[in-house]
Amino acid sequence: MDALAEIKRLYYNTTRTTIQRDLARAVDLLKSMKDDDERQRAAVYMDGLSQMRSEWGGQSGSGRGRGGGAGGRR
């Protein structure tokens, strides 16, 4: 399977529990691409995977800032 097809597969099959592993694999695949056009086509899937990680509370650290919480305004 070529790298772009594998990134697409990861994008469509990732879950809350596999997002970190899937995104890391997608980054490795993106780095292996030699053609700029192919990397450009993969960019939309990479962005989607990154957004899923953010929404699902990945290790980015920024997921806690939304929605208030215990330290919110009074």
PDB file of N, CA and C in Angstrom:
ATOM      1  N   MET A   1       0.863  -1.185   0.000  1.00  0.00           N
ATOM      2  CA  MET A   1       0.000   0.000   0.000  1.00  0.00           C
ATOM      3  C   MET A   1       0.904   1.241   0.000  1.00  0.00           C
ATOM      4  N   ASP A   2       0.574   2.214  -0.826  1.00  0.00           N
ATOM      5  CA  ASP A   2       1.392   3.414  -0.861  1.00  0.00           C
ATOM      6  C   ASP A   2       1.097   4.292   0.358  1.00  0.00           C
ATOM      7  N   ALA A   3       1.974   5.254   0.619  1.00  0.00           N
ATOM      8  CA  ALA A   3       1.899   6.069   1.829  1.00  0.00           C
ATOM      9  C   ALA A   3       0.602   6.874   1.913  1.00  0.00           C
ATOM     10  N   LEU A   4       0.180   7.473   0.804  1.00  0.00           N
ATOM     11  CA  LEU A   4      -1.052   8.268   0.819  1.00  0.00           C
ATOM     12  C   LEU A   4      -2.261   7.393   1.139  1.00  0.00           C
ATOM     13  N   ALA A   5      -2.327   6.233   0.542  1.00  0.00           N
ATOM     14  CA  ALA A   5      -3.443   5.316   0.808  1.00  0.00           C
ATOM     15  C   ALA A   5      -3.449   4.881   2.269  1.00  0.00           C
ATOM     16  N   GLU A   6      -2.273   4.664   2.837  1.00  0.00           N
ATOM     17  CA  GLU A   6      -2.184   4.268   4.242  1.00  0.00           C
ATOM     18  C   GLU A   6      -2.624   5.406   5.169  1.00  0.00           C
ATOM     19  N   ILE A   7      -2.246   6.648   4.847  1.00  0.00           N
ATOM     20  CA  ILE A   7      -2.687   7.798   5.640  1.00  0.00           C
ATOM     21  C   ILE A   7      -4.207   7.929   5.573  1.00  0.00           C
ATOM     22  N   LYS A   8      -4.776   7.749   4.396  1.00  0.00           N
ATOM     23  CA  LYS A   8      -6.244   7.797   4.250  1.00  0.00           C
ATOM     24  C   LYS A   8      -6.894   6.723   5.112  1.00  0.00           C
ATOM     25  N   ARG A   9      -6.342   5.511   5.080  1.00  0.00           N
ATOM     26  CA  ARG A   9      -6.883   4.405   5.870  1.00  0.00           C
ATOM     27  C   ARG A   9      -6.826   4.743   7.362  1.00  0.00           C
ATOM     28  N   LEU A  10      -5.699   5.300   7.800  1.00  0.00           N
ATOM     29  CA  LEU A  10      -5.575   5.687   9.203  1.00  0.00           C
ATOM     30  C   LEU A  10      -6.629   6.741   9.560  1.00  0.00           C
ATOM     31  N   TYR A  11      -6.810   7.724   8.682  1.00  0.00           N
ATOM     32  CA  TYR A  11      -7.780   8.796   8.921  1.00  0.00           C
ATOM     33  C   TYR A  11      -9.192   8.234   9.100  1.00  0.00           C
ATOM     34  N   TYR A  12      -9.596   7.355   8.215  1.00  0.00           N
ATOM     35  CA  TYR A  12     -10.965   6.845   8.263  1.00  0.00           C
ATOM     36  C   TYR A  12     -11.194   5.798   9.350  1.00  0.00           C
ATOM     37  N   ASN A  13     -10.139   5.160   9.834  1.00  0.00           N
ATOM     38  CA  ASN A  13     -10.296   4.085  10.810  1.00  0.00           C
ATOM     39  C   ASN A  13      -9.844   4.429  12.214  1.00  0.00           C
ATOM     40  N   THR A  14      -9.304   5.629  12.427  1.00  0.00           N
ATOM     41  CA  THR A  14      -8.800   5.963  13.755  1.00  0.00           C
ATOM     42  C   THR A  14      -9.941   6.080  14.764  1.00  0.00           C
ATOM     43  N   THR A  15      -9.628   5.800  15.997  1.00  0.00           N
ATOM     44  CA  THR A  15     -10.593   5.901  17.088  1.00  0.00           C
ATOM     45  C   THR A  15      -9.972   6.712  18.214  1.00  0.00           C
ATOM     46  N   ARG A  16     -10.765   6.991  19.201  1.00  0.00           N
ATOM     47  CA  ARG A  16     -10.298   7.732  20.371  1.00  0.00           C
ATOM     48  C   ARG A  16      -9.099   7.033  21.032  1.00  0.00           C
ATOM     49  N   THR A  17      -9.097   5.719  21.014  1.00  0.00           N
ATOM     50  CA  THR A  17      -8.020   4.978  21.669  1.00  0.00           C
ATOM     51  C   THR A  17      -6.788   4.785  20.785  1.00  0.00           C
ATOM     52  N   THR A  18      -6.930   4.950  19.473  1.00  0.00           N
ATOM     53  CA  THR A  18      -5.782   4.724  18.581  1.00  0.00           C
ATOM     54  C   THR A  18      -5.219   6.003  17.979  1.00  0.00           C
ATOM     55  N   ILE A  19      -5.793   7.159  18.273  1.00  0.00           N
ATOM     56  CA  ILE A  19      -5.410   8.396  17.583  1.00  0.00           C
ATOM     57  C   ILE A  19      -3.930   8.729  17.741  1.00  0.00           C
ATOM     58  N   GLN A  20      -3.370   8.582  18.934  1.00  0.00           N
ATOM     59  CA  GLN A  20      -1.955   8.921  19.130  1.00  0.00           C
ATOM     60  C   GLN A  20      -1.068   8.054  18.245  1.00  0.00           C
ATOM     61  N   ARG A  21      -1.301   6.747  18.267  1.00  0.00           N
ATOM     62  CA  ARG A  21      -0.510   5.814  17.469  1.00  0.00           C
ATOM     63  C   ARG A  21      -0.725   6.071  15.981  1.00  0.00           C
ATOM     64  N   ASP A  22      -1.967   6.292  15.576  1.00  0.00           N
ATOM     65  CA  ASP A  22      -2.271   6.508  14.163  1.00  0.00           C
ATOM     66  C   ASP A  22      -1.650   7.800  13.645  1.00  0.00           C
ATOM     67  N   LEU A  23      -1.688   8.847  14.443  1.00  0.00           N
ATOM     68  CA  LEU A  23      -1.092  10.110  14.016  1.00  0.00           C
ATOM     69  C   LEU A  23       0.427   9.981  13.905  1.00  0.00           C
ATOM     70  N   ALA A  24       1.045   9.294  14.843  1.00  0.00           N
ATOM     71  CA  ALA A  24       2.496   9.088  14.781  1.00  0.00           C
ATOM     72  C   ALA A  24       2.871   8.300  13.516  1.00  0.00           C
ATOM     73  N   ARG A  25       2.096   7.284  13.192  1.00  0.00           N
ATOM     74  CA  ARG A  25       2.340   6.493  11.976  1.00  0.00           C
ATOM     75  C   ARG A  25       2.154   7.358  10.730  1.00  0.00           C
ATOM     76  N   ALA A  26       1.120   8.194  10.728  1.00  0.00           N
ATOM     77  CA  ALA A  26       0.861   9.070   9.582  1.00  0.00           C
ATOM     78  C   ALA A  26       2.009  10.061   9.385  1.00  0.00           C
ATOM     79  N   VAL A  27       2.570  10.575  10.469  1.00  0.00           N
ATOM     80  CA  VAL A  27       3.709  11.498  10.363  1.00  0.00           C
ATOM     81  C   VAL A  27       4.906  10.774   9.742  1.00  0.00           C
ATOM     82  N   ASP A  28       5.161   9.553  10.193  1.00  0.00           N
ATOM     83  CA  ASP A  28       6.261   8.779   9.609  1.00  0.00           C
ATOM     84  C   ASP A  28       6.037   8.554   8.113  1.00  0.00           C
ATOM     85  N   LEU A  29       4.815   8.238   7.739  1.00  0.00           N
ATOM     86  CA  LEU A  29       4.498   8.039   6.320  1.00  0.00           C
ATOM     87  C   LEU A  29       4.678   9.335   5.532  1.00  0.00           C
ATOM     88  N   LEU A  30       4.240  10.447   6.109  1.00  0.00           N
ATOM     89  CA  LEU A  30       4.383  11.739   5.433  1.00  0.00           C
ATOM     90  C   LEU A  30       5.857  12.059   5.197  1.00  0.00           C
ATOM     91  N   LYS A  31       6.689  11.787   6.189  1.00  0.00           N
ATOM     92  CA  LYS A  31       8.128  12.032   6.052  1.00  0.00           C
ATOM     93  C   LYS A  31       8.758  11.173   4.968  1.00  0.00           C
ATOM     94  N   SER A  32       8.183  10.004   4.714  1.00  0.00           N
ATOM     95  CA  SER A  32       8.744   9.099   3.715  1.00  0.00           C
ATOM     96  C   SER A  32       8.382   9.483   2.279  1.00  0.00           C
ATOM     97  N   MET A  33       7.419  10.383   2.120  1.00  0.00           N
ATOM     98  CA  MET A  33       6.979  10.788   0.775  1.00  0.00           C
ATOM     99  C   MET A  33       8.040  11.661   0.119  1.00  0.00           C
ATOM    100  N   LYS A  34       8.343  11.357  -1.116  1.00  0.00           N
ATOM    101  CA  LYS A  34       9.368  12.099  -1.840  1.00  0.00           C
ATOM    102  C   LYS A  34       8.782  13.188  -2.739  1.00  0.00           C
ATOM    103  N   ASP A  35       7.510  13.100  -3.032  1.00  0.00           N
ATOM    104  CA  ASP A  35       6.867  13.995  -3.980  1.00  0.00           C
ATOM    105  C   ASP A  35       6.055  15.065  -3.254  1.00  0.00           C
ATOM    106  N   ASP A  36       6.294  16.331  -3.573  1.00  0.00           N
ATOM    107  CA  ASP A  36       5.559  17.427  -2.937  1.00  0.00           C
ATOM    108  C   ASP A  36       4.058  17.371  -3.220  1.00  0.00           C
ATOM    109  N   ASP A  37       3.689  16.959  -4.414  1.00  0.00           N
ATOM    110  CA  ASP A  37       2.257  16.864  -4.753  1.00  0.00           C
ATOM    111  C   ASP A  37       1.563  15.826  -3.880  1.00  0.00           C
ATOM    112  N   GLU A  38       2.233  14.710  -3.653  1.00  0.00           N
ATOM    113  CA  GLU A  38       1.661  13.662  -2.813  1.00  0.00           C
ATOM    114  C   GLU A  38       1.528  14.151  -1.366  1.00  0.00           C
ATOM    115  N   ARG A  39       2.543  14.859  -0.874  1.00  0.00           N
ATOM    116  CA  ARG A  39       2.472  15.417   0.490  1.00  0.00           C
ATOM    117  C   ARG A  39       1.343  16.434   0.599  1.00  0.00           C
ATOM    118  N   GLN A  40       1.135  17.206  -0.447  1.00  0.00           N
ATOM    119  CA  GLN A  40       0.051  18.192  -0.448  1.00  0.00           C
ATOM    120  C   GLN A  40      -1.314  17.506  -0.366  1.00  0.00           C
ATOM    121  N   ARG A  41      -1.480  16.403  -1.078  1.00  0.00           N
ATOM    122  CA  ARG A  41      -2.743  15.655  -1.020  1.00  0.00           C
ATOM    123  C   ARG A  41      -2.955  15.025   0.355  1.00  0.00           C
ATOM    124  N   ALA A  42      -1.867  14.658   1.022  1.00  0.00           N
ATOM    125  CA  ALA A  42      -1.964  14.040   2.351  1.00  0.00           C
ATOM    126  C   ALA A  42      -2.265  15.078   3.433  1.00  0.00           C
ATOM    127  N   ALA A  43      -2.008  16.355   3.151  1.00  0.00           N
ATOM    128  CA  ALA A  43      -2.136  17.403   4.165  1.00  0.00           C
ATOM    129  C   ALA A  43      -3.540  17.478   4.767  1.00  0.00           C
ATOM    130  N   VAL A  44      -4.559  17.292   3.976  1.00  0.00           N
ATOM    131  CA  VAL A  44      -5.936  17.373   4.480  1.00  0.00           C
ATOM    132  C   VAL A  44      -6.204  16.261   5.493  1.00  0.00           C
ATOM    133  N   TYR A  45      -5.672  15.081   5.246  1.00  0.00           N
ATOM    134  CA  TYR A  45      -5.857  13.962   6.180  1.00  0.00           C
ATOM    135  C   TYR A  45      -5.039  14.174   7.455  1.00  0.00           C
ATOM    136  N   MET A  46      -3.833  14.726   7.289  1.00  0.00           N
ATOM    137  CA  MET A  46      -2.990  15.011   8.451  1.00  0.00           C
ATOM    138  C   MET A  46      -3.656  16.054   9.342  1.00  0.00           C
ATOM    139  N   ASP A  47      -4.236  17.073   8.734  1.00  0.00           N
ATOM    140  CA  ASP A  47      -4.936  18.105   9.489  1.00  0.00           C
ATOM    141  C   ASP A  47      -6.125  17.501  10.230  1.00  0.00           C
ATOM    142  N   GLY A  48      -6.848  16.635   9.559  1.00  0.00           N
ATOM    143  CA  GLY A  48      -7.988  15.973  10.191  1.00  0.00           C
ATOM    144  C   GLY A  48      -7.571  15.116  11.377  1.00  0.00           C
ATOM    145  N   LEU A  49      -6.490  14.363  11.227  1.00  0.00           N
ATOM    146  CA  LEU A  49      -5.994  13.543  12.335  1.00  0.00           C
ATOM    147  C   LEU A  49      -5.566  14.422  13.510  1.00  0.00           C
ATOM    148  N   SER A  50      -4.917  15.520  13.201  1.00  0.00           N
ATOM    149  CA  SER A  50      -4.484  16.444  14.254  1.00  0.00           C
ATOM    150  C   SER A  50      -5.676  17.036  14.999  1.00  0.00           C
ATOM    151  N   GLN A  51      -6.712  17.397  14.269  1.00  0.00           N
ATOM    152  CA  GLN A  51      -7.907  17.948  14.905  1.00  0.00           C
ATOM    153  C   GLN A  51      -8.614  16.906  15.758  1.00  0.00           C
ATOM    154  N   MET A  52      -8.649  15.666  15.282  1.00  0.00           N
ATOM    155  CA  MET A  52      -9.253  14.601  16.091  1.00  0.00           C
ATOM    156  C   MET A  52      -8.484  14.435  17.400  1.00  0.00           C
ATOM    157  N   ARG A  53      -7.153  14.457  17.324  1.00  0.00           N
ATOM    158  CA  ARG A  53      -6.346  14.333  18.537  1.00  0.00           C
ATOM    159  C   ARG A  53      -6.661  15.465  19.507  1.00  0.00           C
ATOM    160  N   SER A  54      -6.790  16.668  19.001  1.00  0.00           N
ATOM    161  CA  SER A  54      -7.107  17.819  19.861  1.00  0.00           C
ATOM    162  C   SER A  54      -8.487  17.679  20.493  1.00  0.00           C
ATOM    163  N   GLU A  55      -9.463  17.297  19.706  1.00  0.00           N
ATOM    164  CA  GLU A  55     -10.835  17.166  20.212  1.00  0.00           C
ATOM    165  C   GLU A  55     -10.981  16.022  21.203  1.00  0.00           C
ATOM    166  N   TRP A  56     -10.198  14.964  20.999  1.00  0.00           N
ATOM    167  CA  TRP A  56     -10.312  13.791  21.859  1.00  0.00           C
ATOM    168  C   TRP A  56      -9.348  13.832  23.038  1.00  0.00           C
ATOM    169  N   GLY A  57      -8.688  14.973  23.253  1.00  0.00           N
ATOM    170  CA  GLY A  57      -7.832  15.118  24.427  1.00  0.00           C
ATOM    171  C   GLY A  57      -6.497  14.435  24.307  1.00  0.00           C
ATOM    172  N   GLY A  58      -5.841  14.596  23.178  1.00  0.00           N
ATOM    173  CA  GLY A  58      -4.516  14.023  22.995  1.00  0.00           C
ATOM    174  C   GLY A  58      -3.478  14.721  23.848  1.00  0.00           C
ATOM    175  N   GLN A  59      -2.237  14.406  23.653  1.00  0.00           N
ATOM    176  CA  GLN A  59      -1.151  14.908  24.476  1.00  0.00           C
ATOM    177  C   GLN A  59      -0.740  16.327  24.137  1.00  0.00           C
ATOM    178  N   SER A  60      -1.495  17.022  23.329  1.00  0.00           N
ATOM    179  CA  SER A  60      -1.117  18.381  22.954  1.00  0.00           C
ATOM    180  C   SER A  60      -1.160  19.338  24.129  1.00  0.00           C
ATOM    181  N   GLY A  61      -1.935  19.017  25.169  1.00  0.00           N
ATOM    182  CA  GLY A  61      -2.004  19.853  26.350  1.00  0.00           C
ATOM    183  C   GLY A  61      -2.988  21.000  26.234  1.00  0.00           C
ATOM    184  N   SER A  62      -3.479  21.277  25.026  1.00  0.00           N
ATOM    185  CA  SER A  62      -4.374  22.416  24.858  1.00  0.00           C
ATOM    186  C   SER A  62      -5.844  22.032  24.966  1.00  0.00           C
ATOM    187  N   GLY A  63      -6.158  20.769  25.075  1.00  0.00           N
ATOM    188  CA  GLY A  63      -7.537  20.321  25.100  1.00  0.00           C
ATOM    189  C   GLY A  63      -8.296  20.711  26.353  1.00  0.00           C
ATOM    190  N   ARG A  64      -7.571  21.031  27.435  1.00  0.00           N
ATOM    191  CA  ARG A  64      -8.232  21.351  28.687  1.00  0.00           C
ATOM    192  C   ARG A  64      -8.712  22.795  28.747  1.00  0.00           C
ATOM    193  N   GLY A  65      -8.231  23.645  27.858  1.00  0.00           N
ATOM    194  CA  GLY A  65      -8.542  25.061  27.928  1.00  0.00           C
ATOM    195  C   GLY A  65      -9.958  25.420  27.553  1.00  0.00           C
ATOM    196  N   ARG A  66     -10.640  24.586  26.844  1.00  0.00           N
ATOM    197  CA  ARG A  66     -11.990  24.910  26.387  1.00  0.00           C
ATOM    198  C   ARG A  66     -13.039  24.504  27.409  1.00  0.00           C
ATOM    199  N   GLY A  67     -14.102  25.271  27.470  1.00  0.00           N
ATOM    200  CA  GLY A  67     -15.257  24.867  28.260  1.00  0.00           C
ATOM    201  C   GLY A  67     -15.205  25.190  29.727  1.00  0.00           C
ATOM    202  N   GLY A  68     -14.260  26.005  30.162  1.00  0.00           N
ATOM    203  CA  GLY A  68     -14.244  26.380  31.585  1.00  0.00           C
ATOM    204  C   GLY A  68     -13.626  25.320  32.447  1.00  0.00           C
ATOM    205  N   GLY A  69     -14.334  24.919  33.487  1.00  0.00           N
ATOM    206  CA  GLY A  69     -13.796  23.938  34.410  1.00  0.00           C
ATOM    207  C   GLY A  69     -13.806  24.495  35.819  1.00  0.00           C
ATOM    208  N   ALA A  70     -13.065  23.872  36.719  1.00  0.00           N
ATOM    209  CA  ALA A  70     -13.073  24.267  38.121  1.00  0.00           C
ATOM    210  C   ALA A  70     -12.526  25.669  38.335  1.00  0.00           C
ATOM    211  N   GLY A  71     -11.609  26.098  37.486  1.00  0.00           N
ATOM    212  CA  GLY A  71     -11.009  27.421  37.649  1.00  0.00           C
ATOM    213  C   GLY A  71     -11.673  28.501  36.830  1.00  0.00           C
ATOM    214  N   GLY A  72     -12.892  28.315  36.450  1.00  0.00           N
ATOM    215  CA  GLY A  72     -13.598  29.266  35.583  1.00  0.00           C
ATOM    216  C   GLY A  72     -13.994  30.555  36.304  1.00  0.00           C
ATOM    217  N   ARG A  73     -14.524  31.483  35.551  1.00  0.00           N
ATOM    218  CA  ARG A  73     -14.962  32.779  36.104  1.00  0.00           C
ATOM    219  C   ARG A  73     -16.235  32.624  36.926  1.00  0.00           C
ATOM    220  N   ARG A  74     -16.405  33.538  37.839  1.00  0.00           N
ATOM    221  CA  ARG A  74     -17.622  33.543  38.663  1.00  0.00           C
ATOM    222  C   ARG A  74     -18.503  34.681  38.297  1.00  0.00           C
TER     223      ARG A  74
END
